[in-house]
Amino acid sequence: MVLSELVPRHIWEYPLHNQTALRLKLRLFFRPNTVVVDVPYKIPDKRHGTRKAPPPAG
């Protein structure tokens, strides 16, 4: 089972996110022959924009 988990930007966002993944992990932990993998991801901050690599010279 692959579970994606949002990595919050602020400490106060932790209780707001990942509660479903946590519950699933706890239920699947004791299930035989089951592997659980967490995949953390971040949502880019649109206020600051994303930095892009400069275009190739040529």
C-alpha atoms as a PDB file:
ATOM      1  CA  MET A   1       0.000   0.000   0.000  1.00  0.00           C
ATOM      2  CA  VAL A   2       1.463   3.361  -1.023  1.00  0.00           C
ATOM      3  CA  LEU A   3       0.227   6.309   1.034  1.00  0.00           C
ATOM      4  CA  SER A   4       0.973   9.846  -0.067  1.00  0.00           C
ATOM      5  CA  GLU A   5       1.361  12.315   2.767  1.00  0.00           C
ATOM      6  CA  LEU A   6       1.366  16.085   2.517  1.00  0.00           C
ATOM      7  CA  VAL A   7       4.323  17.776   4.196  1.00  0.00           C
ATOM      8  CA  PRO A   8       2.859  20.891   5.838  1.00  0.00           C
ATOM      9  CA  ARG A   9       4.696  24.200   5.594  1.00  0.00           C
ATOM     10  CA  HIS A  10       3.718  25.305   9.118  1.00  0.00           C
ATOM     11  CA  ILE A  11       3.542  23.441  12.423  1.00  0.00           C
ATOM     12  CA  TRP A  12      -0.098  24.407  12.929  1.00  0.00           C
ATOM     13  CA  GLU A  13      -1.061  22.637   9.667  1.00  0.00           C
ATOM     14  CA  TYR A  14      -0.111  19.161  10.962  1.00  0.00           C
ATOM     15  CA  PRO A  15      -3.470  18.470  12.683  1.00  0.00           C
ATOM     16  CA  LEU A  16      -5.288  19.547   9.515  1.00  0.00           C
ATOM     17  CA  HIS A  17      -3.596  17.093   7.138  1.00  0.00           C
ATOM     18  CA  ASN A  18      -2.649  13.401   6.904  1.00  0.00           C
ATOM     19  CA  GLN A  19      -5.243  12.157   9.381  1.00  0.00           C
ATOM     20  CA  THR A  20      -6.661   9.660   6.880  1.00  0.00           C
ATOM     21  CA  ALA A  21      -3.197   8.307   6.058  1.00  0.00           C
ATOM     22  CA  LEU A  22      -2.416   7.933   9.753  1.00  0.00           C
ATOM     23  CA  ARG A  23      -5.601   5.966  10.380  1.00  0.00           C
ATOM     24  CA  LEU A  24      -4.924   3.718   7.389  1.00  0.00           C
ATOM     25  CA  LYS A  25      -1.350   3.099   8.539  1.00  0.00           C
ATOM     26  CA  LEU A  26      -2.492   2.092  12.000  1.00  0.00           C
ATOM     27  CA  ARG A  27      -5.083  -0.346  10.637  1.00  0.00           C
ATOM     28  CA  LEU A  28      -2.732  -1.886   8.053  1.00  0.00           C
ATOM     29  CA  PHE A  29       0.212  -2.174  10.436  1.00  0.00           C
ATOM     30  CA  PHE A  30      -1.147  -5.315  12.067  1.00  0.00           C
ATOM     31  CA  ARG A  31      -2.358  -6.937   8.838  1.00  0.00           C
ATOM     32  CA  PRO A  32      -0.215  -9.893   7.768  1.00  0.00           C
ATOM     33  CA  ASN A  33       1.609  -9.814   4.414  1.00  0.00           C
ATOM     34  CA  THR A  34       1.022  -6.096   3.956  1.00  0.00           C
ATOM     35  CA  VAL A  35       3.694  -3.503   3.214  1.00  0.00           C
ATOM     36  CA  VAL A  36       2.924   0.164   3.775  1.00  0.00           C
ATOM     37  CA  VAL A  37       5.088   2.846   2.143  1.00  0.00           C
ATOM     38  CA  ASP A  38       4.815   6.570   2.937  1.00  0.00           C
ATOM     39  CA  VAL A  39       5.556   9.004   0.114  1.00  0.00           C
ATOM     40  CA  PRO A  40       5.878  12.582   1.374  1.00  0.00           C
ATOM     41  CA  TYR A  41       5.149  15.449  -0.994  1.00  0.00           C
ATOM     42  CA  LYS A  42       5.145  19.218  -0.805  1.00  0.00           C
ATOM     43  CA  ILE A  43       2.782  21.585  -2.547  1.00  0.00           C
ATOM     44  CA  PRO A  44       4.710  24.483  -4.094  1.00  0.00           C
ATOM     45  CA  ASP A  45       4.028  27.890  -2.582  1.00  0.00           C
ATOM     46  CA  LYS A  46       2.393  30.012  -5.294  1.00  0.00           C
ATOM     47  CA  ARG A  47       2.956  33.261  -3.395  1.00  0.00           C
ATOM     48  CA  HIS A  48       6.725  33.023  -3.771  1.00  0.00           C
ATOM     49  CA  GLY A  49       6.665  31.379  -7.190  1.00  0.00           C
ATOM     50  CA  THR A  50       8.891  28.585  -8.261  1.00  0.00           C
ATOM     51  CA  ARG A  51      12.415  29.102  -9.463  1.00  0.00           C
ATOM     52  CA  LYS A  52      13.127  27.718 -12.867  1.00  0.00           C
ATOM     53  CA  ALA A  53      16.509  26.901 -14.308  1.00  0.00           C
ATOM     54  CA  PRO A  54      17.726  29.460 -16.863  1.00  0.00           C
ATOM     55  CA  PRO A  55      17.270  28.437 -20.501  1.00  0.00           C
ATOM     56  CA  PRO A  56      20.268  26.722 -22.108  1.00  0.00           C
ATOM     57  CA  ALA A  57      22.686  29.054 -23.848  1.00  0.00           C
ATOM     58  CA  GLY A  58      22.878  28.742 -27.556  1.00  0.00           C
END
